[in-house]
Amino acid sequence: MKTAKLVCPVHTVDFKLLLPGGKELTPEVLDELIATNKNASYPTLPFLEHGTLFKDLRGFLKEPPYDIIFQGINRAVALTMMNKVNFIQPLMKFFDYFKKKDSYTYRHSLVVFALAVLMAQDLLEETEDWIIDVMAGTIHDFGNVSVPLKILNKTDPLTNVEKIILEHHALAGFVLLSYFLQDHGKFAAWAAKEHHERRDGSGYPLGIPLKDGMVEIIAICDIYDALLQPRPHRPTPFDNRTALEELTKMAKQGKIGWEGVQALVSYNRKDRPPFKEVNVSTEKRGKPPTDTVYGVVEEKIRCPNCHGSASETKILKDGKECVSYACRGCGKDFNEDDLISIEMEKH
């Protein structure tokens, strides 16, 4: 199994440093981190009883297309099951942080949670108790607390370094949940780490095939809701048809499974056919938003020492191809890790 490596430091909402950038996330490193928290005992609370979570979620589920998806019994069942999930108090702080600092992540986490509950009941042949036990995995984006808000909210194209920092949230979430849940084998921690992986191995942070059915449900719900909402890099959201077509394209490419797409299409139909009976059209009729700056812009690399221009070379490091830079002015060498550290210091 591939070993993950942190590119940035991981800290809590209280800015307690858990691990520095550059750490290999071996079982031994994670065990040592968890040992520093082994004597902590946290009270638990039913998820939706915290603050205004219940009120806010009910409001979010009244917005299209969720007003259709969660009408009638679907809404009642999802809310009932969600309230059976208990969270420890430190995790509740993350919701408070995002509600105040990053409203997109706050809303997104709640809606993905509800949608994943609904889909898990339909797609997985598991007991309700099992589903409740693993649903804490939908706190998948808590690692965003380690990403500077200026990068999360950037309305211009990201630089390559900023993209690396943004994608770091998956590993940051894994570390945070391993620490607070006192076990790096917990489903919630693994879901945070793997929710951007894909079946064909084209995802991140490790580029491994996504095999867990529950993590894939979270991944599909994550993609769907992200398309439906305005983002800093894309002020106009996808309409519902086009969002479903994007997921259909991903299923055709082997990135996600068809069952999740079938379930979403079923939820959006008035007659609510069983998802296995849904035939998903591959015809593209929707139009993606045009006001998007999503992507990576090439940035001229400057030396962190003298700010002179630098030349780029590719080298092998630990069997992997890496980029190294040599300053044309002072002659010093530096690498991507140095640039990431500088970018983090800016914020």
Protein backbone atom coordinates (compact mmCIF):
# COMPACT_ATOMS: atom_id res chain seq x y z
CA MET A 1 0.00 0.00 0.00
CA LYS A 2 1.25 3.48 -0.86
CA THR A 3 2.37 5.66 2.02
CA ALA A 4 0.96 9.16 2.06
CA LYS A 5 3.14 12.18 2.73
CA LEU A 6 1.93 15.49 4.08
CA VAL A 7 2.84 18.50 1.98
CA CYS A 8 1.60 21.03 4.56
CA PRO A 9 1.26 21.17 8.34
CA VAL A 10 -1.95 19.85 9.90
CA HIS A 11 -3.51 21.81 12.75
CA THR A 12 -6.80 21.85 14.63
CA VAL A 13 -9.37 24.65 14.63
CA ASP A 14 -7.59 25.89 17.78
CA PHE A 15 -4.34 26.03 15.74
CA LYS A 16 -2.71 23.19 17.65
CA LEU A 17 -0.07 21.69 15.37
CA LEU A 18 -0.56 17.95 15.00
CA LEU A 19 2.01 17.12 12.33
CA PRO A 20 4.42 19.24 10.26
CA GLY A 21 4.59 19.24 6.49
CA GLY A 22 6.81 16.57 5.00
CA LYS A 23 5.78 13.82 7.44
CA GLU A 24 5.26 10.34 6.03
CA LEU A 25 1.96 9.03 7.37
CA THR A 26 3.20 5.62 8.40
CA PRO A 27 1.24 3.59 10.97
CA GLU A 28 4.03 4.31 13.45
CA VAL A 29 3.77 8.09 12.98
CA LEU A 30 0.00 7.97 13.35
CA ASP A 31 0.21 5.75 16.43
CA GLU A 32 2.63 8.20 18.04
CA LEU A 33 0.28 11.10 17.28
CA ILE A 34 -2.73 9.27 18.68
CA ALA A 35 -0.76 8.34 21.81
CA THR A 36 -0.49 12.06 22.64
CA ASN A 37 -4.28 12.14 22.84
CA LYS A 38 -4.94 8.70 24.35
CA ASN A 39 -5.99 10.01 27.76
CA ALA A 40 -8.56 12.44 26.35
CA SER A 41 -12.19 11.62 27.03
CA TYR A 42 -14.79 13.51 25.05
CA PRO A 43 -18.53 13.78 25.70
CA THR A 44 -20.74 12.90 22.76
CA LEU A 45 -23.85 14.60 21.46
CA PRO A 46 -26.50 13.66 18.87
CA PHE A 47 -25.30 15.34 15.70
CA LEU A 48 -28.33 17.48 14.89
CA GLU A 49 -28.74 18.75 18.45
CA HIS A 50 -25.64 20.93 18.14
CA GLY A 51 -26.23 24.63 17.61
CA THR A 52 -28.37 25.41 14.57
CA LEU A 53 -27.38 22.31 12.57
CA PHE A 54 -30.91 20.89 12.42
CA LYS A 55 -32.49 24.20 11.44
CA ASP A 56 -29.82 24.93 8.85
CA LEU A 57 -29.99 21.48 7.29
CA ARG A 58 -33.77 21.63 6.98
CA GLY A 59 -33.36 24.93 5.14
CA PHE A 60 -30.71 23.51 2.78
CA LEU A 61 -32.93 20.54 1.92
CA LYS A 62 -35.69 22.90 0.81
CA GLU A 63 -33.48 24.22 -2.00
CA PRO A 64 -33.73 22.68 -5.51
CA PRO A 65 -33.11 19.89 -6.37
CA TYR A 66 -33.02 18.66 -2.79
CA ASP A 67 -36.62 19.73 -2.24
CA ILE A 68 -37.56 17.02 -4.76
CA ILE A 69 -35.02 14.44 -3.60
CA PHE A 70 -35.96 14.78 0.07
CA GLN A 71 -39.69 15.14 -0.18
CA GLY A 72 -41.94 13.07 2.06
CA ILE A 73 -40.57 9.94 3.69
CA ASN A 74 -37.03 10.39 2.32
CA ARG A 75 -36.57 13.58 4.29
CA ALA A 76 -37.99 12.18 7.52
CA VAL A 77 -35.91 9.01 7.33
CA ALA A 78 -32.68 10.87 6.52
CA LEU A 79 -33.11 13.37 9.35
CA THR A 80 -34.04 10.64 11.83
CA MET A 81 -31.00 8.56 10.96
CA MET A 82 -28.70 11.56 11.02
CA ASN A 83 -29.82 12.44 14.53
CA LYS A 84 -28.89 8.94 15.69
CA VAL A 85 -25.28 9.69 14.80
CA ASN A 86 -23.28 10.90 17.79
CA PHE A 87 -20.22 13.11 17.49
CA ILE A 88 -17.62 13.98 20.08
CA GLN A 89 -17.47 17.64 21.04
CA PRO A 90 -14.16 18.50 19.31
CA LEU A 91 -15.68 17.53 15.95
CA MET A 92 -18.63 19.84 16.56
CA LYS A 93 -16.12 22.71 16.70
CA PHE A 94 -15.34 22.12 13.04
CA PHE A 95 -18.95 22.82 12.08
CA ASP A 96 -18.81 26.03 14.14
CA TYR A 97 -15.58 27.04 12.40
CA PHE A 98 -16.90 26.42 8.90
CA LYS A 99 -20.22 28.13 9.59
CA LYS A 100 -18.31 31.26 10.57
CA LYS A 101 -15.36 31.13 8.15
CA ASP A 102 -16.30 28.95 5.18
CA SER A 103 -20.03 28.77 4.53
CA TYR A 104 -19.58 26.60 1.43
CA THR A 105 -17.87 23.77 3.37
CA TYR A 106 -20.44 24.08 6.17
CA ARG A 107 -23.44 23.70 3.88
CA HIS A 108 -21.73 21.14 1.65
CA SER A 109 -20.85 18.87 4.59
CA LEU A 110 -24.43 18.82 5.85
CA VAL A 111 -26.04 18.18 2.46
CA VAL A 112 -23.55 15.47 1.48
CA PHE A 113 -24.22 13.85 4.86
CA ALA A 114 -27.99 13.74 4.23
CA LEU A 115 -27.67 12.57 0.62
CA ALA A 116 -25.18 9.84 1.53
CA VAL A 117 -27.56 8.54 4.22
CA LEU A 118 -30.32 8.24 1.64
CA MET A 119 -28.12 6.58 -0.96
CA ALA A 120 -26.51 4.15 1.49
CA GLN A 121 -29.91 2.78 2.44
CA ASP A 122 -30.67 2.05 -1.22
CA LEU A 123 -27.30 0.85 -2.51
CA LEU A 124 -25.82 -1.07 0.41
CA GLU A 125 -27.21 -4.29 1.79
CA GLU A 126 -26.33 -3.39 5.35
CA THR A 127 -28.24 -2.87 8.57
CA GLU A 128 -29.39 0.54 9.74
CA ASP A 129 -27.03 0.26 12.73
CA TRP A 130 -24.08 -0.24 10.38
CA ILE A 131 -25.05 2.73 8.25
CA ILE A 132 -25.38 4.94 11.33
CA ASP A 133 -21.98 3.75 12.56
CA VAL A 134 -20.16 4.72 9.36
CA MET A 135 -22.09 7.86 8.48
CA ALA A 136 -19.60 9.91 10.48
CA GLY A 137 -17.47 9.41 7.37
CA THR A 138 -19.35 12.22 5.71
CA ILE A 139 -17.33 14.73 7.71
CA HIS A 140 -15.02 14.21 4.76
CA ASP A 141 -13.97 17.83 4.21
CA PHE A 142 -12.85 18.73 7.73
CA GLY A 143 -9.28 18.87 6.41
CA ASN A 144 -10.20 22.19 4.78
CA VAL A 145 -9.38 23.78 8.13
CA SER A 146 -5.70 23.34 7.18
CA VAL A 147 -6.12 25.12 3.84
CA PRO A 148 -5.74 28.93 3.95
CA LEU A 149 -9.07 30.67 3.40
CA LYS A 150 -7.53 32.85 0.70
CA ILE A 151 -6.89 29.71 -1.34
CA LEU A 152 -10.30 28.15 -0.57
CA ASN A 153 -12.02 31.38 -1.63
CA LYS A 154 -9.76 32.34 -4.53
CA THR A 155 -11.66 33.57 -7.58
CA ASP A 156 -8.67 33.44 -9.95
CA PRO A 157 -7.10 30.27 -11.37
CA LEU A 158 -4.95 28.43 -8.85
CA THR A 159 -1.21 28.17 -9.25
CA ASN A 160 0.28 24.68 -9.21
CA VAL A 161 1.44 25.18 -5.63
CA GLU A 162 -1.99 26.41 -4.52
CA LYS A 163 -3.60 23.35 -6.13
CA ILE A 164 -1.27 21.08 -4.16
CA ILE A 165 -2.18 22.90 -0.93
CA LEU A 166 -5.91 22.66 -1.71
CA GLU A 167 -5.72 18.93 -2.41
CA HIS A 168 -3.85 18.52 0.87
CA HIS A 169 -7.24 18.70 2.66
CA ALA A 170 -7.82 14.98 2.08
CA LEU A 171 -4.73 13.92 4.05
CA ALA A 172 -5.28 16.68 6.62
CA GLY A 173 -8.77 15.32 7.29
CA PHE A 174 -7.33 11.82 7.69
CA VAL A 175 -4.85 13.05 10.29
CA LEU A 176 -7.41 15.16 12.18
CA LEU A 177 -10.00 12.40 12.40
CA SER A 178 -7.40 9.78 13.31
CA TYR A 179 -6.27 12.03 16.15
CA PHE A 180 -9.68 12.92 17.58
CA LEU A 181 -11.20 9.46 17.08
CA GLN A 182 -8.00 7.97 18.52
CA ASP A 183 -7.74 5.37 15.77
CA HIS A 184 -6.34 5.72 12.23
CA GLY A 185 -8.38 2.68 11.17
CA LYS A 186 -11.74 4.39 11.73
CA PHE A 187 -13.96 4.58 8.67
CA ALA A 188 -14.42 8.35 9.04
CA ALA A 189 -10.66 8.90 8.80
CA TRP A 190 -10.31 6.70 5.70
CA ALA A 191 -13.30 8.34 4.04
CA ALA A 192 -11.66 11.74 4.50
CA LYS A 193 -8.49 10.44 2.89
CA GLU A 194 -10.06 8.57 -0.03
CA HIS A 195 -13.13 10.57 -1.06
CA HIS A 196 -11.23 12.10 -4.00
CA GLU A 197 -9.87 8.77 -5.22
CA ARG A 198 -11.57 7.20 -8.25
CA ARG A 199 -12.24 3.65 -9.43
CA ASP A 200 -9.69 3.96 -12.25
CA GLY A 201 -6.95 5.31 -9.97
CA SER A 202 -7.12 8.82 -11.48
CA GLY A 203 -7.92 10.61 -8.22
CA TYR A 204 -5.84 11.95 -5.34
CA PRO A 205 -4.03 12.04 -2.91
CA LEU A 206 -2.54 8.61 -3.68
CA GLY A 207 -3.95 7.79 -7.12
CA ILE A 208 -5.20 4.38 -5.96
CA PRO A 209 -8.34 2.56 -7.17
CA LEU A 210 -11.36 3.39 -5.02
CA LYS A 211 -12.89 0.10 -3.91
CA ASP A 212 -14.99 0.81 -0.81
CA GLY A 213 -18.71 1.15 -1.63
CA MET A 214 -19.50 3.54 1.21
CA VAL A 215 -16.58 5.85 0.39
CA GLU A 216 -17.71 5.88 -3.24
CA ILE A 217 -21.21 6.91 -2.16
CA ILE A 218 -19.69 9.84 -0.26
CA ALA A 219 -17.51 10.67 -3.28
CA ILE A 220 -20.49 10.71 -5.67
CA CYS A 221 -22.58 12.85 -3.32
CA ASP A 222 -19.58 15.16 -2.90
CA ILE A 223 -19.21 15.65 -6.66
CA TYR A 224 -22.94 16.12 -7.26
CA ASP A 225 -23.41 18.78 -4.61
CA ALA A 226 -20.19 20.58 -5.55
CA LEU A 227 -21.48 20.94 -9.12
CA LEU A 228 -24.84 22.29 -7.95
CA GLN A 229 -23.43 25.11 -5.83
CA PRO A 230 -21.75 28.42 -6.69
CA ARG A 231 -18.03 28.31 -6.05
CA PRO A 232 -15.41 31.07 -5.87
CA HIS A 233 -13.90 29.79 -9.15
CA ARG A 234 -17.33 29.23 -10.73
CA PRO A 235 -20.03 31.73 -9.65
CA THR A 236 -22.71 30.02 -11.74
CA PRO A 237 -23.60 26.50 -10.59
CA PHE A 238 -24.36 23.60 -12.91
CA ASP A 239 -28.05 23.05 -13.49
CA ASN A 240 -29.34 19.70 -12.25
CA ARG A 241 -29.47 18.03 -15.67
CA THR A 242 -25.91 19.04 -16.52
CA ALA A 243 -24.63 17.92 -13.10
CA LEU A 244 -26.16 14.48 -13.67
CA GLU A 245 -24.63 14.39 -17.15
CA GLU A 246 -21.20 15.14 -15.68
CA LEU A 247 -21.58 12.18 -13.31
CA THR A 248 -22.79 10.03 -16.22
CA LYS A 249 -19.61 10.95 -18.12
CA MET A 250 -17.50 9.94 -15.12
CA ALA A 251 -19.32 6.58 -14.94
CA LYS A 252 -18.67 6.00 -18.66
CA GLN A 253 -14.97 6.72 -18.05
CA GLY A 254 -14.86 4.17 -15.22
CA LYS A 255 -14.16 6.77 -12.55
CA ILE A 256 -17.32 6.03 -10.52
CA GLY A 257 -19.91 3.25 -10.54
CA TRP A 258 -23.21 3.39 -12.40
CA GLU A 259 -25.39 2.54 -9.38
CA GLY A 260 -24.76 5.89 -7.70
CA VAL A 261 -25.73 7.74 -10.87
CA GLN A 262 -28.84 5.57 -11.25
CA ALA A 263 -29.85 6.39 -7.67
CA LEU A 264 -29.53 10.15 -8.22
CA VAL A 265 -31.54 9.97 -11.43
CA SER A 266 -34.22 7.97 -9.61
CA TYR A 267 -34.41 10.53 -6.79
CA ASN A 268 -35.02 13.27 -9.35
CA ARG A 269 -37.94 11.50 -11.05
CA LYS A 270 -41.53 11.96 -9.89
CA ASP A 271 -42.37 8.25 -9.99
CA ARG A 272 -39.21 7.28 -8.04
CA PRO A 273 -38.48 3.99 -9.83
CA PRO A 274 -36.15 1.50 -8.10
CA PHE A 275 -32.65 2.61 -9.01
CA LYS A 276 -31.79 -0.74 -10.60
CA GLU A 277 -34.57 -0.17 -13.13
CA VAL A 278 -33.31 3.27 -14.15
CA ASN A 279 -31.81 3.59 -17.61
CA VAL A 280 -29.38 6.49 -17.59
CA SER A 281 -29.28 8.42 -20.86
CA THR A 282 -25.81 9.17 -22.17
CA GLU A 283 -27.09 11.94 -24.44
CA LYS A 284 -25.65 15.32 -23.51
CA ARG A 285 -28.17 18.15 -23.58
CA GLY A 286 -27.00 20.32 -20.71
CA LYS A 287 -24.60 23.26 -20.93
CA PRO A 288 -21.88 23.63 -18.28
CA PRO A 289 -21.36 27.16 -16.89
CA THR A 290 -19.01 29.31 -18.91
CA ASP A 291 -17.92 31.68 -16.13
CA THR A 292 -15.40 29.31 -14.61
CA VAL A 293 -11.72 29.87 -13.95
CA TYR A 294 -11.21 26.36 -12.62
CA GLY A 295 -7.82 24.99 -13.52
CA VAL A 296 -4.19 25.70 -12.91
CA VAL A 297 -2.30 28.67 -14.23
CA GLU A 298 1.42 28.44 -14.83
CA GLU A 299 3.29 30.78 -12.55
CA LYS A 300 6.77 32.08 -13.18
CA ILE A 301 8.94 30.56 -10.48
CA ARG A 302 11.02 32.95 -8.44
CA CYS A 303 13.89 32.02 -6.13
CA PRO A 304 12.83 32.15 -2.46
CA ASN A 305 16.30 33.49 -1.60
CA CYS A 306 16.90 36.37 -4.04
CA HIS A 307 13.62 36.37 -6.03
CA GLY A 308 15.54 35.88 -9.25
CA SER A 309 14.24 33.70 -12.09
CA ALA A 310 14.86 29.98 -11.95
CA SER A 311 15.37 27.12 -14.35
CA GLU A 312 13.44 23.87 -13.94
CA THR A 313 14.84 20.35 -14.08
CA LYS A 314 13.25 16.98 -13.40
CA ILE A 315 15.02 14.60 -11.03
CA LEU A 316 14.35 11.18 -9.52
CA LYS A 317 13.84 11.16 -5.76
CA ASP A 318 12.99 7.94 -3.95
CA GLY A 319 12.04 6.43 -7.28
CA LYS A 320 9.62 9.26 -8.13
CA GLU A 321 10.01 12.02 -10.69
CA CYS A 322 10.22 15.40 -8.95
CA VAL A 323 10.83 18.97 -10.07
CA SER A 324 13.89 20.84 -8.87
CA TYR A 325 14.75 24.49 -9.49
CA ALA A 326 18.07 26.31 -9.83
CA CYS A 327 18.21 30.09 -9.42
CA ARG A 328 19.87 31.86 -12.31
CA GLY A 329 20.90 34.69 -9.99
CA CYS A 330 22.30 33.32 -6.72
CA GLY A 331 22.74 29.75 -7.96
CA LYS A 332 20.88 28.13 -5.05
CA ASP A 333 18.71 25.07 -5.59
CA PHE A 334 15.17 24.72 -4.21
CA ASN A 335 12.18 22.46 -4.75
CA GLU A 336 8.39 22.34 -4.64
CA ASP A 337 8.37 21.75 -0.88
CA ASP A 338 10.19 25.06 -0.41
CA LEU A 339 7.58 26.84 -2.55
CA ILE A 340 4.73 25.27 -0.57
CA SER A 341 6.28 26.42 2.71
CA ILE A 342 6.59 29.97 1.37
CA GLU A 343 2.97 29.95 0.14
CA MET A 344 1.71 28.75 3.53
CA GLU A 345 3.71 31.48 5.31
CA LYS A 346 1.91 34.12 3.21
CA HIS A 347 -1.36 33.18 4.84
